[in-house]
N, C-alpha and C. Protein backbone atom coordinates (compact mmCIF):
# COMPACT_ATOMS: atom_id res chain seq x y z
N MET A 1 0.93 -0.85 -0.05
CA MET A 1 -0.01 0.14 0.36
C MET A 1 0.33 0.96 0.31
N ASN A 2 0.60 2.09 -0.60
CA ASN A 2 1.42 3.77 -0.90
C ASN A 2 1.40 4.89 -0.26
N ILE A 3 1.79 5.46 0.44
CA ILE A 3 1.47 6.56 1.12
C ILE A 3 0.50 7.30 -0.07
N LYS A 4 -0.87 7.47 0.55
CA LYS A 4 -1.48 8.50 0.01
C LYS A 4 -1.06 10.32 0.74
N LYS A 5 -0.70 10.85 -0.80
CA LYS A 5 -1.17 12.48 -0.56
C LYS A 5 -1.99 13.12 -0.08
N ILE A 6 -1.87 14.27 0.57
CA ILE A 6 -3.07 15.30 0.79
C ILE A 6 -2.60 16.69 0.90
N ASN A 7 -3.67 17.19 0.18
CA ASN A 7 -3.66 18.20 -0.64
C ASN A 7 -4.49 19.61 0.04
N ASN A 8 -4.75 20.68 -0.29
CA ASN A 8 -5.56 21.06 0.04
C ASN A 8 -7.41 20.97 -0.70
N GLU A 9 -6.92 20.26 -1.79
CA GLU A 9 -8.41 20.28 -2.50
C GLU A 9 -9.21 18.83 -1.98
N ASN A 10 -8.22 17.68 -1.51
CA ASN A 10 -8.59 16.27 -0.81
C ASN A 10 -8.77 16.73 0.26
N PHE A 11 -8.38 17.11 1.17
CA PHE A 11 -8.11 17.15 2.77
C PHE A 11 -9.41 16.51 3.35
N GLU A 12 -10.75 17.86 3.11
CA GLU A 12 -11.68 17.46 3.45
C GLU A 12 -12.37 15.94 3.73
N SER A 13 -13.12 15.73 2.43
CA SER A 13 -13.14 14.24 1.75
C SER A 13 -11.94 13.36 3.09
N VAL A 14 -10.41 13.38 2.84
CA VAL A 14 -9.65 12.19 3.57
C VAL A 14 -9.84 11.87 4.77
N VAL A 15 -10.43 13.34 5.28
CA VAL A 15 -10.31 13.20 6.59
C VAL A 15 -11.57 12.51 6.79
N SER A 16 -12.70 13.54 6.71
CA SER A 16 -13.81 12.83 7.18
C SER A 16 -14.38 11.04 6.71
N SER A 17 -14.11 10.56 5.57
CA SER A 17 -13.97 9.26 5.11
C SER A 17 -12.82 8.53 6.08
N GLU A 18 -11.79 8.88 6.92
CA GLU A 18 -11.36 8.23 8.23
C GLU A 18 -12.43 7.77 9.13
N LYS A 19 -12.05 6.14 9.78
CA LYS A 19 -13.28 5.94 10.77
C LYS A 19 -12.50 5.66 11.86
N GLY A 20 -11.04 5.85 11.51
CA GLY A 20 -10.31 4.83 13.02
C GLY A 20 -9.02 6.22 13.22
N VAL A 21 -8.10 5.26 13.26
CA VAL A 21 -6.31 5.97 13.67
C VAL A 21 -5.71 6.41 12.34
N PHE A 22 -5.61 7.03 11.91
CA PHE A 22 -4.25 6.99 10.80
C PHE A 22 -3.42 8.29 11.14
N VAL A 23 -2.06 8.31 10.21
CA VAL A 23 -1.02 9.18 10.92
C VAL A 23 -1.10 9.96 9.33
N ILE A 24 -0.30 11.07 9.86
CA ILE A 24 -0.02 12.30 8.51
C ILE A 24 1.44 12.64 9.05
N LYS A 25 1.99 12.23 7.65
CA LYS A 25 3.81 12.59 7.81
C LYS A 25 3.26 14.31 6.75
N PHE A 26 3.96 15.08 7.80
CA PHE A 26 4.40 16.18 7.57
C PHE A 26 5.80 16.78 6.87
N TYR A 27 6.18 16.97 5.81
CA TYR A 27 6.95 17.40 5.19
C TYR A 27 7.55 18.48 4.26
N SER A 28 8.57 18.89 3.60
CA SER A 28 9.00 19.70 2.99
C SER A 28 9.79 18.84 1.75
N ASP A 29 10.09 19.25 0.63
CA ASP A 29 11.03 19.00 -0.60
C ASP A 29 12.41 19.37 -0.33
N THR A 30 12.23 20.22 0.12
CA THR A 30 13.86 20.65 0.93
C THR A 30 14.34 20.77 2.28
N CYS A 31 13.65 19.34 2.86
CA CYS A 31 13.96 19.22 3.81
C CYS A 31 14.46 18.02 4.33
N GLY A 32 16.21 18.08 4.18
CA GLY A 32 17.16 16.57 4.38
C GLY A 32 16.59 16.16 5.42
N PRO A 33 16.39 16.34 6.70
CA PRO A 33 15.42 15.01 7.92
C PRO A 33 14.01 14.33 7.02
N CYS A 34 13.41 15.07 6.09
CA CYS A 34 12.29 14.91 5.62
C CYS A 34 12.52 13.31 4.89
N LYS A 35 13.74 13.36 4.08
CA LYS A 35 14.16 12.83 3.30
C LYS A 35 14.93 11.48 4.17
N THR A 36 15.22 11.41 5.39
CA THR A 36 15.88 10.68 5.99
C THR A 36 14.51 10.04 6.62
N MET A 37 13.65 10.17 6.80
CA MET A 37 12.38 9.81 7.59
C MET A 37 11.38 9.01 6.67
N ALA A 38 11.66 9.06 4.86
CA ALA A 38 11.31 8.57 3.75
C ALA A 38 11.00 6.94 4.30
N PRO A 39 12.20 6.09 4.45
CA PRO A 39 11.75 4.96 4.73
C PRO A 39 11.57 4.45 5.95
N VAL A 40 11.51 5.37 7.00
CA VAL A 40 10.28 5.27 8.19
C VAL A 40 8.53 5.49 7.78
N PHE A 41 8.49 6.09 7.26
CA PHE A 41 7.06 6.15 6.78
C PHE A 41 6.61 4.92 5.75
N GLU A 42 7.38 4.30 5.08
CA GLU A 42 7.62 3.37 4.28
C GLU A 42 7.31 2.12 5.20
N ALA A 43 8.37 2.04 5.80
CA ALA A 43 8.40 0.77 6.94
C ALA A 43 7.20 0.84 7.77
N LEU A 44 7.00 2.10 8.40
CA LEU A 44 5.39 2.20 9.02
C LEU A 44 4.19 1.84 8.14
N ASN A 45 4.16 1.76 7.43
CA ASN A 45 3.02 2.42 6.39
C ASN A 45 2.95 0.30 5.63
N ASN A 46 3.98 -0.28 5.71
CA ASN A 46 3.62 -1.36 5.61
C ASN A 46 3.53 -2.47 6.78
N ASN A 47 4.48 -2.13 7.89
CA ASN A 47 3.82 -2.52 9.29
C ASN A 47 2.62 -2.53 9.51
N ASN A 48 1.40 -1.85 9.09
CA ASN A 48 0.72 -1.72 9.50
C ASN A 48 -0.60 -1.32 8.33
N PRO A 49 -1.03 -2.03 7.91
CA PRO A 49 -1.98 -2.32 6.97
C PRO A 49 -3.37 -1.75 7.40
N ASP A 50 -3.58 -1.95 8.24
CA ASP A 50 -5.16 -1.55 8.35
C ASP A 50 -5.03 0.10 9.39
N ILE A 51 -3.77 0.78 8.97
CA ILE A 51 -4.04 1.97 9.36
C ILE A 51 -3.40 2.65 8.32
N ASN A 52 -3.98 3.97 7.79
CA ASN A 52 -3.58 4.78 6.55
C ASN A 52 -2.25 5.68 6.92
N VAL A 53 -1.51 6.04 6.36
CA VAL A 53 -0.53 6.77 6.27
C VAL A 53 -0.63 7.93 4.94
N TYR A 54 -0.79 9.08 5.62
CA TYR A 54 -0.93 9.89 4.25
C TYR A 54 0.54 10.91 4.69
N GLU A 55 0.87 11.87 3.62
CA GLU A 55 1.48 12.87 3.41
C GLU A 55 1.24 13.96 3.31
N VAL A 56 1.58 15.16 4.07
CA VAL A 56 1.05 16.31 3.20
C VAL A 56 2.58 17.63 3.13
N ASN A 57 2.76 17.70 1.63
CA ASN A 57 3.84 18.95 1.80
C ASN A 57 3.43 20.19 2.48
N THR A 58 4.34 20.45 2.90
CA THR A 58 4.28 21.91 3.59
C THR A 58 3.70 23.35 2.67
N MET A 59 5.03 22.90 1.46
CA MET A 59 5.40 23.95 0.70
C MET A 59 3.80 24.19 -0.31
N GLU A 60 3.26 23.06 -0.71
CA GLU A 60 2.42 22.63 -1.32
C GLU A 60 1.04 23.40 -0.49
N SER A 61 1.10 22.84 0.32
CA SER A 61 -0.54 23.25 1.20
C SER A 61 -0.22 23.44 2.36
N PRO A 62 0.13 24.68 2.80
CA PRO A 62 0.75 25.55 4.00
C PRO A 62 -0.46 25.25 4.96
N GLU A 63 -1.69 25.92 4.41
CA GLU A 63 -3.04 25.83 5.20
C GLU A 63 -3.28 24.53 5.97
N ILE A 64 -3.06 23.66 5.31
CA ILE A 64 -3.20 22.19 6.09
C ILE A 64 -1.84 22.14 7.40
N ALA A 65 -0.67 22.49 7.22
CA ALA A 65 0.27 22.45 7.69
C ALA A 65 -0.44 23.35 9.08
N ASP A 66 -0.89 24.67 8.95
CA ASP A 66 -1.57 25.63 9.87
C ASP A 66 -2.06 24.99 10.72
N GLN A 67 -2.72 24.59 9.80
CA GLN A 67 -3.84 23.79 10.82
C GLN A 67 -3.81 22.80 11.72
N PHE A 68 -2.66 22.33 11.56
CA PHE A 68 -2.52 21.46 12.39
C PHE A 68 -1.75 21.57 13.64
N GLY A 69 -1.19 23.32 13.42
CA GLY A 69 -0.11 23.65 14.20
C GLY A 69 1.37 23.48 14.14
N VAL A 70 1.70 22.83 12.97
CA VAL A 70 3.21 22.63 12.45
C VAL A 70 4.46 23.39 12.42
N ARG A 71 5.36 23.16 13.07
CA ARG A 71 6.39 24.32 13.14
C ARG A 71 7.22 24.03 12.41
N GLY A 72 7.96 22.98 12.29
CA GLY A 72 8.84 22.62 11.85
C GLY A 72 8.84 20.80 11.17
N VAL A 73 9.18 21.05 10.55
CA VAL A 73 9.23 19.67 9.55
C VAL A 73 10.56 18.49 10.17
N PRO A 74 10.91 17.43 9.79
CA PRO A 74 9.31 16.80 9.58
C PRO A 74 8.74 16.74 10.86
N TYR A 75 7.17 16.51 10.81
CA TYR A 75 6.33 16.59 12.00
C TYR A 75 5.20 15.54 11.44
N THR A 76 5.12 14.42 12.73
CA THR A 76 4.41 13.45 12.45
C THR A 76 2.93 13.46 13.09
N ALA A 77 1.88 13.46 12.52
CA ALA A 77 0.37 13.51 13.54
C ALA A 77 -0.11 12.37 13.45
N ILE A 78 -0.59 11.80 14.86
CA ILE A 78 -0.56 10.03 14.95
C ILE A 78 -2.49 10.75 14.78
N CYS A 79 -3.15 10.27 14.73
CA CYS A 79 -5.08 11.14 14.35
C CYS A 79 -5.90 10.10 14.53
N GLU A 80 -7.25 10.76 15.10
CA GLU A 80 -8.30 9.80 15.39
C GLU A 80 -9.91 11.18 14.77
N ASN A 81 -10.17 10.66 13.94
CA ASN A 81 -11.06 11.69 13.62
C ASN A 81 -10.44 13.22 12.95
N ARG A 82 -10.84 14.13 13.53
CA ARG A 82 -9.86 15.38 13.33
C ARG A 82 -9.55 15.58 14.50
N ASP A 83 -9.03 14.86 15.45
CA ASP A 83 -8.23 15.22 16.24
C ASP A 83 -6.68 14.54 16.07
N VAL A 84 -5.92 15.55 16.58
CA VAL A 84 -4.12 14.78 16.57
C VAL A 84 -4.12 13.79 18.85
N LEU A 85 -4.11 12.75 18.11
CA LEU A 85 -3.43 12.32 19.43
C LEU A 85 -2.29 11.81 19.73
N TYR A 86 -1.54 11.98 19.13
CA TYR A 86 0.53 12.22 19.35
C TYR A 86 0.71 12.86 18.07
N ASP A 87 1.96 13.76 18.61
CA ASP A 87 2.73 14.33 17.71
C ASP A 87 4.37 13.72 17.76
N PHE A 88 5.02 14.05 16.43
CA PHE A 88 6.46 14.21 17.10
C PHE A 88 6.72 15.29 15.97
N THR A 89 8.32 15.81 16.49
CA THR A 89 8.68 16.88 15.70
C THR A 89 10.47 16.20 15.51
N GLY A 90 10.56 16.17 14.28
CA GLY A 90 11.99 16.19 13.74
C GLY A 90 12.45 15.01 13.54
N LEU A 91 13.40 14.48 13.37
CA LEU A 91 13.64 12.46 13.49
C LEU A 91 13.40 12.46 14.61
N THR A 92 12.10 11.14 13.97
CA THR A 92 12.04 9.68 15.13
C THR A 92 11.92 8.50 14.98
N PRO A 93 12.52 7.81 15.38
CA PRO A 93 12.71 6.61 15.15
C PRO A 93 11.52 5.44 14.93
N LEU A 94 11.51 4.92 13.87
CA LEU A 94 10.10 3.96 13.85
C LEU A 94 9.49 3.09 15.09
N GLY A 95 10.31 2.71 15.93
CA GLY A 95 10.10 2.11 17.04
C GLY A 95 8.96 3.11 18.02
N LYS A 96 9.51 4.49 18.38
CA LYS A 96 8.88 5.30 18.79
C LYS A 96 7.22 5.66 18.26
N ILE A 97 6.95 5.30 16.71
CA ILE A 97 6.10 5.57 16.12
C ILE A 97 4.73 4.31 15.88
N GLN A 98 5.66 3.57 15.80
CA GLN A 98 5.22 1.83 16.02
C GLN A 98 4.80 1.65 17.72
N TYR A 99 5.26 2.55 18.47
CA TYR A 99 4.86 2.39 19.94
C TYR A 99 3.59 3.00 20.36
N VAL A 100 3.96 4.26 19.85
CA VAL A 100 2.44 4.83 19.78
C VAL A 100 0.85 4.29 19.20
N ILE A 101 1.50 3.42 18.13
CA ILE A 101 0.68 2.79 17.65
C ILE A 101 -0.35 1.98 18.17
N ASN A 102 0.72 0.84 18.45
CA ASN A 102 0.53 -0.53 19.35
C ASN A 102 -0.29 -0.12 20.54
N ASN A 103 0.03 1.37 21.18
CA ASN A 103 -0.33 1.50 22.64
C ASN A 103 -1.56 2.69 22.46
N ILE A 104 -1.77 3.32 21.41
CA ILE A 104 -3.03 4.59 20.97
C ILE A 104 -4.48 4.58 21.93
N ASN A 105 -4.64 2.91 22.10
CA ASN A 105 -6.46 2.54 22.55
C ASN A 105 -5.89 2.08 24.46
N ASP A 106 -4.62 2.75 24.75
CA ASP A 106 -4.43 2.03 26.08
C ASP A 106 -5.07 3.07 26.91
N SER A 107 -6.07 2.32 27.93
CA SER A 107 -6.85 3.76 28.91
C SER A 107 -6.07 4.82 29.72
N HIS A 108 -5.10 4.77 30.23
CA HIS A 108 -4.39 5.68 31.22
C HIS A 108 -4.19 6.67 29.79
N PHE A 109 -3.36 6.69 28.36
CA PHE A 109 -3.28 7.05 27.60
C PHE A 109 -4.21 8.26 27.18
N ARG A 110 -6.06 7.31 26.85
CA ARG A 110 -6.48 7.78 26.23
C ARG A 110 -7.12 8.91 27.38
N LEU A 111 -6.88 8.84 28.75
CA LEU A 111 -7.46 9.62 29.96
C LEU A 111 -6.89 10.95 30.04
N THR A 112 -5.19 10.46 30.01
CA THR A 112 -4.37 11.60 30.24
C THR A 112 -3.62 12.42 29.35
N GLY A 113 -3.21 11.31 27.97
CA GLY A 113 -2.39 12.23 27.14
C GLY A 113 -1.20 12.13 27.15
N GLU A 114 -1.15 10.63 27.97
CA GLU A 114 0.41 10.21 28.44
C GLU A 114 0.62 9.43 28.41
N PHE A 115 2.06 8.40 28.50
CA PHE A 115 2.14 6.95 28.41
C PHE A 115 2.17 6.80 29.27
N LYS A 116 1.86 5.52 30.21
CA LYS A 116 2.12 5.28 31.77
C LYS A 116 3.52 4.55 31.81
N ALA A 117 4.51 5.04 32.24
CA ALA A 117 5.61 4.02 32.62
C ALA A 117 5.59 3.10 33.19
N PRO A 118 6.54 1.96 32.30
CA PRO A 118 6.30 0.23 33.04
C PRO A 118 6.84 0.56 34.68
N GLU A 119 6.02 -0.10 34.82
CA GLU A 119 6.39 -0.39 36.64
C GLU A 119 7.79 -0.87 36.56
N THR A 120 8.53 -1.00 37.12
CA THR A 120 9.74 -2.07 37.75
C THR A 120 9.86 -2.36 39.29
N LYS A 121 10.56 -3.72 39.03
CA LYS A 121 10.25 -4.27 40.47
C LYS A 121 12.13 -3.48 41.43
N LYS A 122 11.50 -3.20 42.31
CA LYS A 122 12.20 -2.71 43.52
C LYS A 122 13.50 -4.02 43.83
N SER A 123 14.45 -3.64 43.34
CA SER A 123 15.68 -4.65 43.90
C SER A 123 16.17 -4.15 44.80
N TYR A 124 16.21 -4.95 45.83
CA TYR A 124 16.94 -4.75 47.53
C TYR A 124 17.87 -5.12 47.60
N PHE A 125 18.32 -5.77 46.39
CA PHE A 125 20.08 -6.41 46.78
C PHE A 125 20.84 -5.30 47.57
N TYR A 126 21.30 -4.21 46.93
CA TYR A 126 22.40 -3.61 47.55
C TYR A 126 22.26 -3.22 49.20
N GLU A 127 20.69 -2.97 49.80
CA GLU A 127 20.39 -3.03 51.01
C GLU A 127 20.59 -3.85 51.48
N VAL A 128 20.04 -5.35 51.30
CA VAL A 128 20.48 -6.61 51.79
C VAL A 128 21.94 -6.85 51.99
N ILE A 129 23.14 -6.40 51.44
CA ILE A 129 24.16 -6.24 51.26
C ILE A 129 24.64 -5.72 52.50
N VAL A 130 24.29 -4.52 52.87
CA VAL A 130 24.73 -3.23 53.56
C VAL A 130 24.45 -3.49 54.84
N ILE A 131 23.32 -4.00 54.80
CA ILE A 131 22.55 -4.61 56.56
C ILE A 131 23.23 -5.90 56.42
N SER A 132 23.70 -6.73 56.08
CA SER A 132 24.22 -7.76 56.42
C SER A 132 25.90 -7.36 57.29
N LEU A 133 26.50 -6.52 56.23
CA LEU A 133 27.48 -5.82 56.71
C LEU A 133 27.64 -5.15 57.92
N VAL A 134 26.66 -4.59 57.84
CA VAL A 134 26.48 -3.85 59.36
C VAL A 134 26.53 -4.73 59.86
N VAL A 135 25.63 -5.82 60.14
CA VAL A 135 25.41 -7.19 60.87
C VAL A 135 26.42 -7.45 61.82
N VAL A 136 27.59 -7.92 60.40
CA VAL A 136 28.31 -8.75 60.83
C VAL A 136 29.63 -7.67 61.80
N PHE A 137 29.65 -6.43 61.22
CA PHE A 137 31.00 -5.72 61.74
C PHE A 137 30.10 -5.73 63.14
N SER A 138 29.14 -5.31 63.58
CA SER A 138 28.82 -5.13 64.60
C SER A 138 28.52 -5.99 65.39
N LEU A 139 28.72 -7.39 65.41
CA LEU A 139 28.65 -8.60 65.84
C LEU A 139 30.20 -9.28 65.80
N ALA A 140 30.97 -8.87 64.68
CA ALA A 140 32.65 -9.13 65.03
C ALA A 140 33.07 -7.73 65.97
N ILE A 141 32.43 -6.66 66.48
CA ILE A 141 33.25 -5.95 67.53
C ILE A 141 32.72 -6.50 68.74
N PHE A 142 30.88 -6.90 68.96
CA PHE A 142 30.66 -7.38 69.98
C PHE A 142 31.55 -8.24 70.65
N PHE A 143 31.80 -9.35 69.72
CA PHE A 143 32.54 -10.64 70.70
C PHE A 143 33.45 -10.16 70.50
N ALA A 144 34.33 -9.10 69.98
CA ALA A 144 35.75 -9.17 69.65
C ALA A 144 36.41 -8.40 71.44
N GLY A 145 35.23 -7.38 71.74
CA GLY A 145 35.15 -6.60 73.18
C GLY A 145 35.02 -7.23 74.17
């Protein structure tokens, strides 16, 4: 599936026809980092056949870029209906964009707009070592005296 272009003429029909999550890539022909991101969006498009990926050339359609509040390119907007759920500005690894897509329906994200940091188990390894050493030295001093 190819990345589809959005311009001023087809913007309304494209956005109104979308029923789920979709991605819009904003770029400029003169932008070096935008060209670097091209393979990322190709891979994103190929890895997610159920999500449409669109692109907007900000030089040809500045009104659309203005509507999305684009201040720099490359700019990636992950959208649903007419809302931007999450966005990235600048060079962004495929893994970060894919993570957002994979977790876009997370209840914490939908409620707060932020992803919940994964909970890590607290390791008490060093605390146990320190306490053990204190006990050993205390007993050594007690029995030595």
